[in-house]
Amino acid sequence: MLDQSQAGLLGGIEAGGTKFVCAVGSAPDQILQQETFPTEDPETTMRNVVGFFKGAQERHGVIEAVGIGTFGPADIHVKSPGYGSILQTPKEHWEGANIVTSLLDGLGCRIPVAFDTDVNAAAVGESEYGAGRQYRNLAYVTIGTGIGGGVLIDGKPLHGRMHPEIGHMSVPDLEHLVGKDTNVCPFHGSCLEGRASGTAIRARWGVPGNELPADHPAWDLQAQYLAHGAVGITAAWSPDLIIFGGGVSQQEGLMDRVRGHFEKLAGGYWSLPPLDVYLQTPELNQQAGIVGALTLAGRLLDPDRTNH
């Protein structure tokens, strides 16, 4: 039986291309149970997700709302007939899969569900409980296999026709600096993801970034590309800070290089805080996405809910 004395819990899902992270908490920063599943076909994956939440409710109490941060592109517009679904994706079997519908049908209930991108969720998590606690306007860029980005305006994820695609911002072709010609994006001649993702680093140098020493020329090139991206973000959205997450951003000395190149490119045009404040890495690290998903769930129950 459910323990009604502990009713009012939040559920969160970080839906990634390789794994799903599920959690239940009494608050976004008070996680009671968390589990990770490999991303398989939609039916298998969602069966595992539903099983987790059913078991968590038996242990901890009623879940009143769920927040989901997902890989994309995704239909995140709540009034859309396809709300909750994955759009065009190379992830086999997932195009058209509706995560929200599968979750609610599996649970046999109609609790409120927030559905957003994984990077928007991470941005929310860092804004409420991480590096962005003092700020309401920020950008979060994750650099891994690809590059994604989320933007918060007054604490809320930016939505437009779709959602921000920071990884596909145009950047200059700097390949001549290292005698290479690498671009792994099939859509654009020179975008941030095509030039600076983990996939691009491996294609350019023949090994993953974590096998390259800190003094390798790869990292100054990487820093220049990221600095160009940061300048574009600054010009477009004027955030209070930009957070660079993902495994690549953890490379020793990389952020100092990014700050140096950013300062040159910015040319003193903007009035900004010190660059070690303006260009940061996450405090929540791998937990940013799931904490953000739980925060989105909490906002469904209380739209004014904030940790600021």
C-alpha atoms as a PDB file:
ATOM      1  CA  MET A   1       0.000   0.000   0.000  1.00  0.00           C
ATOM      2  CA  LEU A   2       1.084   3.607  -0.580  1.00  0.00           C
ATOM      3  CA  ASP A   3       2.188   5.567   2.447  1.00  0.00           C
ATOM      4  CA  GLN A   4      -0.168   8.550   2.199  1.00  0.00           C
ATOM      5  CA  SER A   5       1.719  10.360   4.925  1.00  0.00           C
ATOM      6  CA  GLN A   6       4.523  10.906   2.454  1.00  0.00           C
ATOM      7  CA  ALA A   7       2.305  12.073  -0.433  1.00  0.00           C
ATOM      8  CA  GLY A   8       3.362  14.973  -2.616  1.00  0.00           C
ATOM      9  CA  LEU A   9       6.583  13.595  -4.078  1.00  0.00           C
ATOM     10  CA  LEU A  10       8.203  14.681  -7.328  1.00  0.00           C
ATOM     11  CA  GLY A  11       9.347  12.424 -10.145  1.00  0.00           C
ATOM     12  CA  GLY A  12      12.097  13.195 -12.620  1.00  0.00           C
ATOM     13  CA  ILE A  13      13.412  11.619 -15.816  1.00  0.00           C
ATOM     14  CA  GLU A  14      16.584  12.538 -17.665  1.00  0.00           C
ATOM     15  CA  ALA A  15      16.041  10.832 -21.014  1.00  0.00           C
ATOM     16  CA  GLY A  16      19.328  10.462 -22.857  1.00  0.00           C
ATOM     17  CA  GLY A  17      20.383   8.771 -26.029  1.00  0.00           C
ATOM     18  CA  THR A  18      22.381   6.155 -24.118  1.00  0.00           C
ATOM     19  CA  LYS A  19      20.683   6.069 -20.709  1.00  0.00           C
ATOM     20  CA  PHE A  20      17.563   7.115 -18.798  1.00  0.00           C
ATOM     21  CA  VAL A  21      18.022   8.439 -15.263  1.00  0.00           C
ATOM     22  CA  CYS A  22      14.906   8.261 -13.072  1.00  0.00           C
ATOM     23  CA  ALA A  23      14.476   9.762  -9.621  1.00  0.00           C
ATOM     24  CA  VAL A  24      11.895  10.466  -6.944  1.00  0.00           C
ATOM     25  CA  GLY A  25      12.366  13.169  -4.352  1.00  0.00           C
ATOM     26  CA  SER A  26      10.597  15.173  -1.694  1.00  0.00           C
ATOM     27  CA  ALA A  27      12.310  18.185  -3.271  1.00  0.00           C
ATOM     28  CA  PRO A  28      14.665  18.555  -6.252  1.00  0.00           C
ATOM     29  CA  ASP A  29      17.701  18.491  -3.973  1.00  0.00           C
ATOM     30  CA  GLN A  30      16.291  15.760  -1.697  1.00  0.00           C
ATOM     31  CA  ILE A  31      16.335  12.637  -3.841  1.00  0.00           C
ATOM     32  CA  LEU A  32      14.950   9.544  -2.141  1.00  0.00           C
ATOM     33  CA  GLN A  33      15.595   7.017  -4.896  1.00  0.00           C
ATOM     34  CA  GLN A  34      17.461   7.143  -8.205  1.00  0.00           C
ATOM     35  CA  GLU A  35      18.142   4.528 -10.863  1.00  0.00           C
ATOM     36  CA  THR A  36      19.678   4.427 -14.342  1.00  0.00           C
ATOM     37  CA  PHE A  37      18.587   2.272 -17.281  1.00  0.00           C
ATOM     38  CA  PRO A  38      20.181   1.833 -20.700  1.00  0.00           C
ATOM     39  CA  THR A  39      18.275   3.441 -23.563  1.00  0.00           C
ATOM     40  CA  GLU A  40      16.960   0.509 -25.560  1.00  0.00           C
ATOM     41  CA  ASP A  41      13.898   0.498 -27.831  1.00  0.00           C
ATOM     42  CA  PRO A  42      11.032   2.710 -26.570  1.00  0.00           C
ATOM     43  CA  GLU A  43       8.856  -0.162 -25.333  1.00  0.00           C
ATOM     44  CA  THR A  44      11.614  -1.774 -23.271  1.00  0.00           C
ATOM     45  CA  THR A  45      12.944   1.511 -21.949  1.00  0.00           C
ATOM     46  CA  MET A  46       9.570   2.865 -20.890  1.00  0.00           C
ATOM     47  CA  ARG A  47       8.650  -0.443 -19.277  1.00  0.00           C
ATOM     48  CA  ASN A  48      11.736  -0.044 -17.071  1.00  0.00           C
ATOM     49  CA  VAL A  49      10.865   3.589 -16.340  1.00  0.00           C
ATOM     50  CA  VAL A  50       7.271   2.785 -15.390  1.00  0.00           C
ATOM     51  CA  GLY A  51       8.461  -0.098 -13.217  1.00  0.00           C
ATOM     52  CA  PHE A  52      10.809   2.243 -11.383  1.00  0.00           C
ATOM     53  CA  PHE A  53       8.075   4.758 -10.577  1.00  0.00           C
ATOM     54  CA  LYS A  54       5.594   2.106  -9.506  1.00  0.00           C
ATOM     55  CA  GLY A  55       8.168   0.641  -7.145  1.00  0.00           C
ATOM     56  CA  ALA A  56       9.184   4.076  -5.878  1.00  0.00           C
ATOM     57  CA  GLN A  57       5.574   4.926  -5.059  1.00  0.00           C
ATOM     58  CA  GLU A  58       5.232   1.713  -3.078  1.00  0.00           C
ATOM     59  CA  ARG A  59       8.334   2.644  -1.078  1.00  0.00           C
ATOM     60  CA  HIS A  60       8.011   6.397  -0.689  1.00  0.00           C
ATOM     61  CA  GLY A  61       4.485   7.618  -1.403  1.00  0.00           C
ATOM     62  CA  VAL A  62       2.399   9.294  -4.079  1.00  0.00           C
ATOM     63  CA  ILE A  63       4.122  11.098  -6.938  1.00  0.00           C
ATOM     64  CA  GLU A  64       2.151  14.247  -7.748  1.00  0.00           C
ATOM     65  CA  ALA A  65       4.057  15.483 -10.805  1.00  0.00           C
ATOM     66  CA  VAL A  66       6.864  14.378 -13.116  1.00  0.00           C
ATOM     67  CA  GLY A  67       9.432  16.452 -14.991  1.00  0.00           C
ATOM     68  CA  ILE A  68      11.228  15.084 -18.055  1.00  0.00           C
ATOM     69  CA  GLY A  69      14.354  16.427 -19.738  1.00  0.00           C
ATOM     70  CA  THR A  70      14.895  14.599 -23.013  1.00  0.00           C
ATOM     71  CA  PHE A  71      17.264  14.194 -25.905  1.00  0.00           C
ATOM     72  CA  GLY A  72      15.874  15.718 -29.050  1.00  0.00           C
ATOM     73  CA  PRO A  73      14.710  17.229 -31.114  1.00  0.00           C
ATOM     74  CA  ALA A  74      11.430  16.899 -29.259  1.00  0.00           C
ATOM     75  CA  ASP A  75       7.921  18.341 -29.282  1.00  0.00           C
ATOM     76  CA  ILE A  76       7.943  20.406 -26.092  1.00  0.00           C
ATOM     77  CA  HIS A  77       4.881  22.556 -26.810  1.00  0.00           C
ATOM     78  CA  VAL A  78       2.199  21.563 -24.338  1.00  0.00           C
ATOM     79  CA  LYS A  79      -0.691  22.453 -26.676  1.00  0.00           C
ATOM     80  CA  SER A  80       0.717  20.441 -29.568  1.00  0.00           C
ATOM     81  CA  PRO A  81      -0.958  17.111 -30.444  1.00  0.00           C
ATOM     82  CA  GLY A  82       2.493  15.540 -30.396  1.00  0.00           C
ATOM     83  CA  TYR A  83       3.547  16.948 -27.025  1.00  0.00           C
ATOM     84  CA  GLY A  84       5.943  14.557 -25.342  1.00  0.00           C
ATOM     85  CA  SER A  85       7.261  12.917 -28.496  1.00  0.00           C
ATOM     86  CA  ILE A  86      10.691  12.613 -30.067  1.00  0.00           C
ATOM     87  CA  LEU A  87      10.933  14.175 -33.526  1.00  0.00           C
ATOM     88  CA  GLN A  88      13.487  13.417 -36.250  1.00  0.00           C
ATOM     89  CA  THR A  89      16.339  11.471 -34.689  1.00  0.00           C
ATOM     90  CA  PRO A  90      19.003   9.007 -35.800  1.00  0.00           C
ATOM     91  CA  LYS A  91      18.243   7.034 -32.622  1.00  0.00           C
ATOM     92  CA  GLU A  92      16.743   3.828 -33.999  1.00  0.00           C
ATOM     93  CA  HIS A  93      13.039   3.246 -33.212  1.00  0.00           C
ATOM     94  CA  TRP A  94      12.668   6.504 -31.263  1.00  0.00           C
ATOM     95  CA  GLU A  95      11.366   8.860 -33.929  1.00  0.00           C
ATOM     96  CA  GLY A  96       7.717   9.518 -33.095  1.00  0.00           C
ATOM     97  CA  ALA A  97       7.914   7.777 -29.714  1.00  0.00           C
ATOM     98  CA  ASN A  98       5.867   9.646 -27.106  1.00  0.00           C
ATOM     99  CA  ILE A  99       7.539   9.512 -23.703  1.00  0.00           C
ATOM    100  CA  VAL A 100       4.781  11.373 -21.858  1.00  0.00           C
ATOM    101  CA  THR A 101       1.970   9.192 -23.178  1.00  0.00           C
ATOM    102  CA  SER A 102       3.918   5.990 -22.517  1.00  0.00           C
ATOM    103  CA  LEU A 103       4.634   7.072 -18.947  1.00  0.00           C
ATOM    104  CA  LEU A 104       1.059   8.042 -18.100  1.00  0.00           C
ATOM    105  CA  ASP A 105      -0.459   4.998 -19.780  1.00  0.00           C
ATOM    106  CA  GLY A 106       1.975   2.751 -17.933  1.00  0.00           C
ATOM    107  CA  LEU A 107       1.209   4.349 -14.582  1.00  0.00           C
ATOM    108  CA  GLY A 108      -2.517   4.350 -15.284  1.00  0.00           C
ATOM    109  CA  CYS A 109      -2.996   7.913 -14.101  1.00  0.00           C
ATOM    110  CA  ARG A 110      -3.056  11.486 -15.368  1.00  0.00           C
ATOM    111  CA  ILE A 111      -0.660  13.406 -13.157  1.00  0.00           C
ATOM    112  CA  PRO A 112       0.844  16.596 -14.620  1.00  0.00           C
ATOM    113  CA  VAL A 113       4.043  16.113 -16.638  1.00  0.00           C
ATOM    114  CA  ALA A 114       6.553  18.771 -17.717  1.00  0.00           C
ATOM    115  CA  PHE A 115       8.456  17.857 -20.884  1.00  0.00           C
ATOM    116  CA  ASP A 116      11.506  19.801 -22.025  1.00  0.00           C
ATOM    117  CA  THR A 117      14.960  19.282 -23.485  1.00  0.00           C
ATOM    118  CA  ASP A 118      17.710  17.694 -21.435  1.00  0.00           C
ATOM    119  CA  VAL A 119      19.848  20.824 -21.677  1.00  0.00           C
ATOM    120  CA  ASN A 120      16.989  23.091 -20.604  1.00  0.00           C
ATOM    121  CA  ALA A 121      16.477  20.781 -17.627  1.00  0.00           C
ATOM    122  CA  ALA A 122      20.186  20.971 -16.785  1.00  0.00           C
ATOM    123  CA  ALA A 123      20.030  24.758 -17.055  1.00  0.00           C
ATOM    124  CA  VAL A 124      17.098  24.813 -14.622  1.00  0.00           C
ATOM    125  CA  GLY A 125      18.949  22.530 -12.217  1.00  0.00           C
ATOM    126  CA  GLU A 126      22.060  24.704 -12.216  1.00  0.00           C
ATOM    127  CA  SER A 127      19.959  27.862 -11.897  1.00  0.00           C
ATOM    128  CA  GLU A 128      18.166  26.614  -8.806  1.00  0.00           C
ATOM    129  CA  TYR A 129      20.767  24.477  -7.047  1.00  0.00           C
ATOM    130  CA  GLY A 130      24.127  24.901  -8.788  1.00  0.00           C
ATOM    131  CA  ALA A 131      26.438  27.483 -10.313  1.00  0.00           C
ATOM    132  CA  GLY A 132      23.566  29.768 -11.322  1.00  0.00           C
ATOM    133  CA  ARG A 133      21.840  30.110  -7.953  1.00  0.00           C
ATOM    134  CA  GLN A 134      22.242  33.892  -7.954  1.00  0.00           C
ATOM    135  CA  TYR A 135      20.979  34.365 -11.497  1.00  0.00           C
ATOM    136  CA  ARG A 136      17.718  34.247 -13.451  1.00  0.00           C
ATOM    137  CA  ASN A 137      19.144  34.484 -16.976  1.00  0.00           C
ATOM    138  CA  LEU A 138      21.714  31.949 -18.065  1.00  0.00           C
ATOM    139  CA  ALA A 139      22.796  29.638 -20.845  1.00  0.00           C
ATOM    140  CA  TYR A 140      23.893  26.040 -20.383  1.00  0.00           C
ATOM    141  CA  VAL A 141      26.002  24.372 -23.080  1.00  0.00           C
ATOM    142  CA  THR A 142      26.818  20.673 -22.911  1.00  0.00           C
ATOM    143  CA  ILE A 143      29.738  19.322 -24.920  1.00  0.00           C
ATOM    144  CA  GLY A 144      29.778  15.575 -25.377  1.00  0.00           C
ATOM    145  CA  THR A 145      29.125  13.361 -28.370  1.00  0.00           C
ATOM    146  CA  GLY A 146      27.228  16.366 -29.752  1.00  0.00           C
ATOM    147  CA  ILE A 147      26.655  19.886 -28.477  1.00  0.00           C
ATOM    148  CA  GLY A 148      23.378  21.118 -27.053  1.00  0.00           C
ATOM    149  CA  GLY A 149      22.298  24.227 -25.247  1.00  0.00           C
ATOM    150  CA  GLY A 150      19.532  25.553 -23.058  1.00  0.00           C
ATOM    151  CA  VAL A 151      18.658  29.160 -22.273  1.00  0.00           C
ATOM    152  CA  LEU A 152      16.762  30.507 -19.261  1.00  0.00           C
ATOM    153  CA  ILE A 153      15.051  33.894 -19.383  1.00  0.00           C
ATOM    154  CA  ASP A 154      13.822  35.071 -15.981  1.00  0.00           C
ATOM    155  CA  GLY A 155      14.350  31.542 -14.713  1.00  0.00           C
ATOM    156  CA  LYS A 156      12.197  29.870 -17.372  1.00  0.00           C
ATOM    157  CA  PRO A 157      13.415  27.754 -20.313  1.00  0.00           C
ATOM    158  CA  LEU A 158      13.301  29.611 -23.605  1.00  0.00           C
ATOM    159  CA  HIS A 159      10.903  28.100 -26.122  1.00  0.00           C
ATOM    160  CA  GLY A 160      10.201  29.412 -29.580  1.00  0.00           C
ATOM    161  CA  ARG A 161       9.186  27.601 -32.700  1.00  0.00           C
ATOM    162  CA  MET A 162      11.226  24.698 -31.278  1.00  0.00           C
ATOM    163  CA  HIS A 163      13.970  25.154 -28.722  1.00  0.00           C
ATOM    164  CA  PRO A 164      17.469  26.669 -28.829  1.00  0.00           C
ATOM    165  CA  GLU A 165      19.919  24.696 -30.983  1.00  0.00           C
ATOM    166  CA  ILE A 166      23.153  26.220 -29.749  1.00  0.00           C
ATOM    167  CA  GLY A 167      25.160  23.350 -31.202  1.00  0.00           C
ATOM    168  CA  HIS A 168      24.146  24.476 -34.675  1.00  0.00           C
ATOM    169  CA  MET A 169      25.229  28.098 -34.303  1.00  0.00           C
ATOM    170  CA  SER A 170      27.614  29.106 -37.077  1.00  0.00           C
ATOM    171  CA  VAL A 171      31.269  29.489 -36.131  1.00  0.00           C
ATOM    172  CA  PRO A 172      34.266  30.420 -38.290  1.00  0.00           C
ATOM    173  CA  ASP A 173      36.231  27.646 -39.960  1.00  0.00           C
ATOM    174  CA  LEU A 174      39.479  27.567 -37.968  1.00  0.00           C
ATOM    175  CA  GLU A 175      40.734  24.212 -39.245  1.00  0.00           C
ATOM    176  CA  HIS A 176      43.655  25.832 -41.058  1.00  0.00           C
ATOM    177  CA  LEU A 177      45.207  26.592 -37.664  1.00  0.00           C
ATOM    178  CA  VAL A 178      45.985  22.895 -37.198  1.00  0.00           C
ATOM    179  CA  GLY A 179      46.183  21.792 -40.816  1.00  0.00           C
ATOM    180  CA  LYS A 180      42.937  19.820 -40.632  1.00  0.00           C
ATOM    181  CA  ASP A 181      39.518  19.977 -42.292  1.00  0.00           C
ATOM    182  CA  THR A 182      37.079  18.396 -39.849  1.00  0.00           C
ATOM    183  CA  ASN A 183      33.337  18.953 -39.814  1.00  0.00           C
ATOM    184  CA  VAL A 184      31.057  16.175 -38.549  1.00  0.00           C
ATOM    185  CA  CYS A 185      27.722  17.974 -38.993  1.00  0.00           C
ATOM    186  CA  PRO A 186      25.894  16.771 -42.122  1.00  0.00           C
ATOM    187  CA  PHE A 187      23.643  19.845 -42.166  1.00  0.00           C
ATOM    188  CA  HIS A 188      25.949  22.862 -41.858  1.00  0.00           C
ATOM    189  CA  GLY A 189      29.233  23.981 -43.329  1.00  0.00           C
ATOM    190  CA  SER A 190      30.678  25.148 -40.030  1.00  0.00           C
ATOM    191  CA  CYS A 191      28.654  24.949 -36.824  1.00  0.00           C
ATOM    192  CA  LEU A 192      29.694  24.527 -33.204  1.00  0.00           C
ATOM    193  CA  GLU A 193      28.715  20.859 -33.040  1.00  0.00           C
ATOM    194  CA  GLY A 194      30.391  20.047 -36.330  1.00  0.00           C
ATOM    195  CA  ARG A 195      33.665  21.606 -35.219  1.00  0.00           C
ATOM    196  CA  ALA A 196      33.836  21.260 -31.420  1.00  0.00           C
ATOM    197  CA  SER A 197      31.820  18.227 -30.280  1.00  0.00           C
ATOM    198  CA  GLY A 198      33.492  15.169 -28.837  1.00  0.00           C
ATOM    199  CA  THR A 199      32.753  13.440 -32.137  1.00  0.00           C
ATOM    200  CA  ALA A 200      34.587  16.205 -34.009  1.00  0.00           C
ATOM    201  CA  ILE A 201      37.594  15.977 -31.704  1.00  0.00           C
ATOM    202  CA  ARG A 202      37.870  12.248 -32.296  1.00  0.00           C
ATOM    203  CA  ALA A 203      37.423  12.609 -36.056  1.00  0.00           C
ATOM    204  CA  ARG A 204      40.085  15.313 -36.212  1.00  0.00           C
ATOM    205  CA  TRP A 205      42.756  13.646 -34.084  1.00  0.00           C
ATOM    206  CA  GLY A 206      41.910   9.952 -34.311  1.00  0.00           C
ATOM    207  CA  VAL A 207      41.444   9.485 -30.559  1.00  0.00           C
ATOM    208  CA  PRO A 208      38.854  10.716 -28.032  1.00  0.00           C
ATOM    209  CA  GLY A 209      39.571  13.937 -26.229  1.00  0.00           C
ATOM    210  CA  ASN A 210      40.291  12.254 -22.909  1.00  0.00           C
ATOM    211  CA  GLU A 211      43.342  10.639 -24.495  1.00  0.00           C
ATOM    212  CA  LEU A 212      44.860  13.967 -25.582  1.00  0.00           C
ATOM    213  CA  PRO A 213      47.289  15.683 -23.180  1.00  0.00           C
ATOM    214  CA  ALA A 214      46.501  19.142 -21.838  1.00  0.00           C
ATOM    215  CA  ASP A 215      49.210  20.759 -23.997  1.00  0.00           C
ATOM    216  CA  HIS A 216      47.958  19.215 -27.248  1.00  0.00           C
ATOM    217  CA  PRO A 217      47.048  21.775 -29.953  1.00  0.00           C
ATOM    218  CA  ALA A 218      43.546  20.277 -29.959  1.00  0.00           C
ATOM    219  CA  TRP A 219      42.648  22.241 -26.858  1.00  0.00           C
ATOM    220  CA  ASP A 220      43.522  25.713 -28.070  1.00  0.00           C
ATOM    221  CA  LEU A 221      41.476  25.073 -31.208  1.00  0.00           C
ATOM    222  CA  GLN A 222      38.641  23.750 -29.057  1.00  0.00           C
ATOM    223  CA  ALA A 223      38.813  26.837 -26.849  1.00  0.00           C
ATOM    224  CA  GLN A 224      38.611  29.135 -29.857  1.00  0.00           C
ATOM    225  CA  TYR A 225      35.508  27.412 -31.178  1.00  0.00           C
ATOM    226  CA  LEU A 226      33.829  27.524 -27.763  1.00  0.00           C
ATOM    227  CA  ALA A 227      34.763  31.188 -27.343  1.00  0.00           C
ATOM    228  CA  HIS A 228      33.093  31.997 -30.662  1.00  0.00           C
ATOM    229  CA  GLY A 229      30.014  30.138 -29.434  1.00  0.00           C
ATOM    230  CA  ALA A 230      30.046  32.070 -26.162  1.00  0.00           C
ATOM    231  CA  VAL A 231      30.273  35.382 -28.012  1.00  0.00           C
ATOM    232  CA  GLY A 232      27.266  34.406 -30.118  1.00  0.00           C
ATOM    233  CA  ILE A 233      25.286  33.440 -27.020  1.00  0.00           C
ATOM    234  CA  THR A 234      26.234  36.710 -25.329  1.00  0.00           C
ATOM    235  CA  ALA A 235      25.168  38.760 -28.349  1.00  0.00           C
ATOM    236  CA  ALA A 236      21.876  36.899 -28.798  1.00  0.00           C
ATOM    237  CA  TRP A 237      20.603  36.454 -25.235  1.00  0.00           C
ATOM    238  CA  SER A 238      22.738  38.573 -22.889  1.00  0.00           C
ATOM    239  CA  PRO A 239      22.776  35.965 -20.086  1.00  0.00           C
ATOM    240  CA  ASP A 240      24.120  36.574 -16.608  1.00  0.00           C
ATOM    241  CA  LEU A 241      26.471  33.637 -17.080  1.00  0.00           C
ATOM    242  CA  ILE A 242      27.232  30.750 -19.416  1.00  0.00           C
ATOM    243  CA  ILE A 243      27.806  27.262 -17.999  1.00  0.00           C
ATOM    244  CA  PHE A 244      29.785  24.716 -20.014  1.00  0.00           C
ATOM    245  CA  GLY A 245      28.909  21.141 -19.067  1.00  0.00           C
ATOM    246  CA  GLY A 246      29.626  17.703 -20.484  1.00  0.00           C
ATOM    247  CA  GLY A 247      32.768  15.622 -20.380  1.00  0.00           C
ATOM    248  CA  VAL A 248      34.806  17.723 -22.810  1.00  0.00           C
ATOM    249  CA  SER A 249      34.414  20.865 -20.697  1.00  0.00           C
ATOM    250  CA  GLN A 250      36.214  19.156 -17.803  1.00  0.00           C
ATOM    251  CA  GLN A 251      39.524  19.062 -19.697  1.00  0.00           C
ATOM    252  CA  GLU A 252      42.308  20.586 -17.608  1.00  0.00           C
ATOM    253  CA  GLY A 253      42.933  24.220 -18.506  1.00  0.00           C
ATOM    254  CA  LEU A 254      40.273  24.373 -21.220  1.00  0.00           C
ATOM    255  CA  MET A 255      38.032  26.963 -19.587  1.00  0.00           C
ATOM    256  CA  ASP A 256      40.963  29.305 -18.938  1.00  0.00           C
ATOM    257  CA  ARG A 257      41.751  29.125 -22.655  1.00  0.00           C
ATOM    258  CA  VAL A 258      38.103  29.772 -23.526  1.00  0.00           C
ATOM    259  CA  ARG A 259      38.058  32.845 -21.295  1.00  0.00           C
ATOM    260  CA  GLY A 260      41.236  34.182 -22.899  1.00  0.00           C
ATOM    261  CA  HIS A 261      39.909  33.829 -26.435  1.00  0.00           C
ATOM    262  CA  PHE A 262      36.494  35.157 -25.418  1.00  0.00           C
ATOM    263  CA  GLU A 263      38.076  38.310 -24.001  1.00  0.00           C
ATOM    264  CA  LYS A 264      39.851  38.990 -27.302  1.00  0.00           C
ATOM    265  CA  LEU A 265      36.752  38.307 -29.393  1.00  0.00           C
ATOM    266  CA  ALA A 266      34.453  40.384 -27.171  1.00  0.00           C
ATOM    267  CA  GLY A 267      36.693  43.410 -27.633  1.00  0.00           C
ATOM    268  CA  GLY A 268      35.444  45.076 -24.465  1.00  0.00           C
ATOM    269  CA  TYR A 269      32.013  45.663 -26.001  1.00  0.00           C
ATOM    270  CA  TRP A 270      29.920  44.160 -23.212  1.00  0.00           C
ATOM    271  CA  SER A 271      29.902  45.067 -19.538  1.00  0.00           C
ATOM    272  CA  LEU A 272      30.372  41.642 -17.982  1.00  0.00           C
ATOM    273  CA  PRO A 273      31.358  40.185 -14.613  1.00  0.00           C
ATOM    274  CA  PRO A 274      34.848  38.698 -14.265  1.00  0.00           C
ATOM    275  CA  LEU A 275      35.177  35.939 -16.840  1.00  0.00           C
ATOM    276  CA  ASP A 276      35.828  33.250 -14.233  1.00  0.00           C
ATOM    277  CA  VAL A 277      32.290  34.077 -13.057  1.00  0.00           C
ATOM    278  CA  TYR A 278      30.698  34.626 -16.465  1.00  0.00           C
ATOM    279  CA  LEU A 279      32.078  31.456 -18.094  1.00  0.00           C
ATOM    280  CA  GLN A 280      31.776  28.556 -15.652  1.00  0.00           C
ATOM    281  CA  THR A 281      31.531  24.796 -15.356  1.00  0.00           C
ATOM    282  CA  PRO A 282      28.581  23.157 -13.528  1.00  0.00           C
ATOM    283  CA  GLU A 283      28.428  22.626  -9.793  1.00  0.00           C
ATOM    284  CA  LEU A 284      25.939  19.769 -10.047  1.00  0.00           C
ATOM    285  CA  ASN A 285      27.961  17.963 -12.726  1.00  0.00           C
ATOM    286  CA  GLN A 286      26.160  14.761 -13.770  1.00  0.00           C
ATOM    287  CA  GLN A 287      23.189  15.530 -11.491  1.00  0.00           C
ATOM    288  CA  ALA A 288      22.215  18.787 -13.209  1.00  0.00           C
ATOM    289  CA  GLY A 289      19.736  17.167 -15.591  1.00  0.00           C
ATOM    290  CA  ILE A 290      17.850  15.056 -13.063  1.00  0.00           C
ATOM    291  CA  VAL A 291      17.749  17.863 -10.479  1.00  0.00           C
ATOM    292  CA  GLY A 292      16.400  20.123 -13.208  1.00  0.00           C
ATOM    293  CA  ALA A 293      13.758  17.566 -14.189  1.00  0.00           C
ATOM    294  CA  LEU A 294      12.581  17.370 -10.575  1.00  0.00           C
ATOM    295  CA  THR A 295      12.516  21.167 -10.435  1.00  0.00           C
ATOM    296  CA  LEU A 296      10.304  21.289 -13.532  1.00  0.00           C
ATOM    297  CA  ALA A 297       7.952  18.846 -11.804  1.00  0.00           C
ATOM    298  CA  GLY A 298       7.825  21.054  -8.731  1.00  0.00           C
ATOM    299  CA  ARG A 299       6.954  24.091 -10.821  1.00  0.00           C
ATOM    300  CA  LEU A 300       3.869  22.298 -12.130  1.00  0.00           C
ATOM    301  CA  LEU A 301       2.557  22.158  -8.574  1.00  0.00           C
ATOM    302  CA  ASP A 302       3.716  25.660  -7.676  1.00  0.00           C
ATOM    303  CA  PRO A 303       4.598  27.917 -10.651  1.00  0.00           C
ATOM    304  CA  ASP A 304       6.296  30.416  -8.336  1.00  0.00           C
ATOM    305  CA  ARG A 305       8.449  27.732  -6.726  1.00  0.00           C
ATOM    306  CA  THR A 306      12.080  28.813  -6.734  1.00  0.00           C
ATOM    307  CA  ASN A 307      15.218  28.320  -4.693  1.00  0.00           C
ATOM    308  CA  HIS A 308      16.314  31.936  -5.233  1.00  0.00           C
END
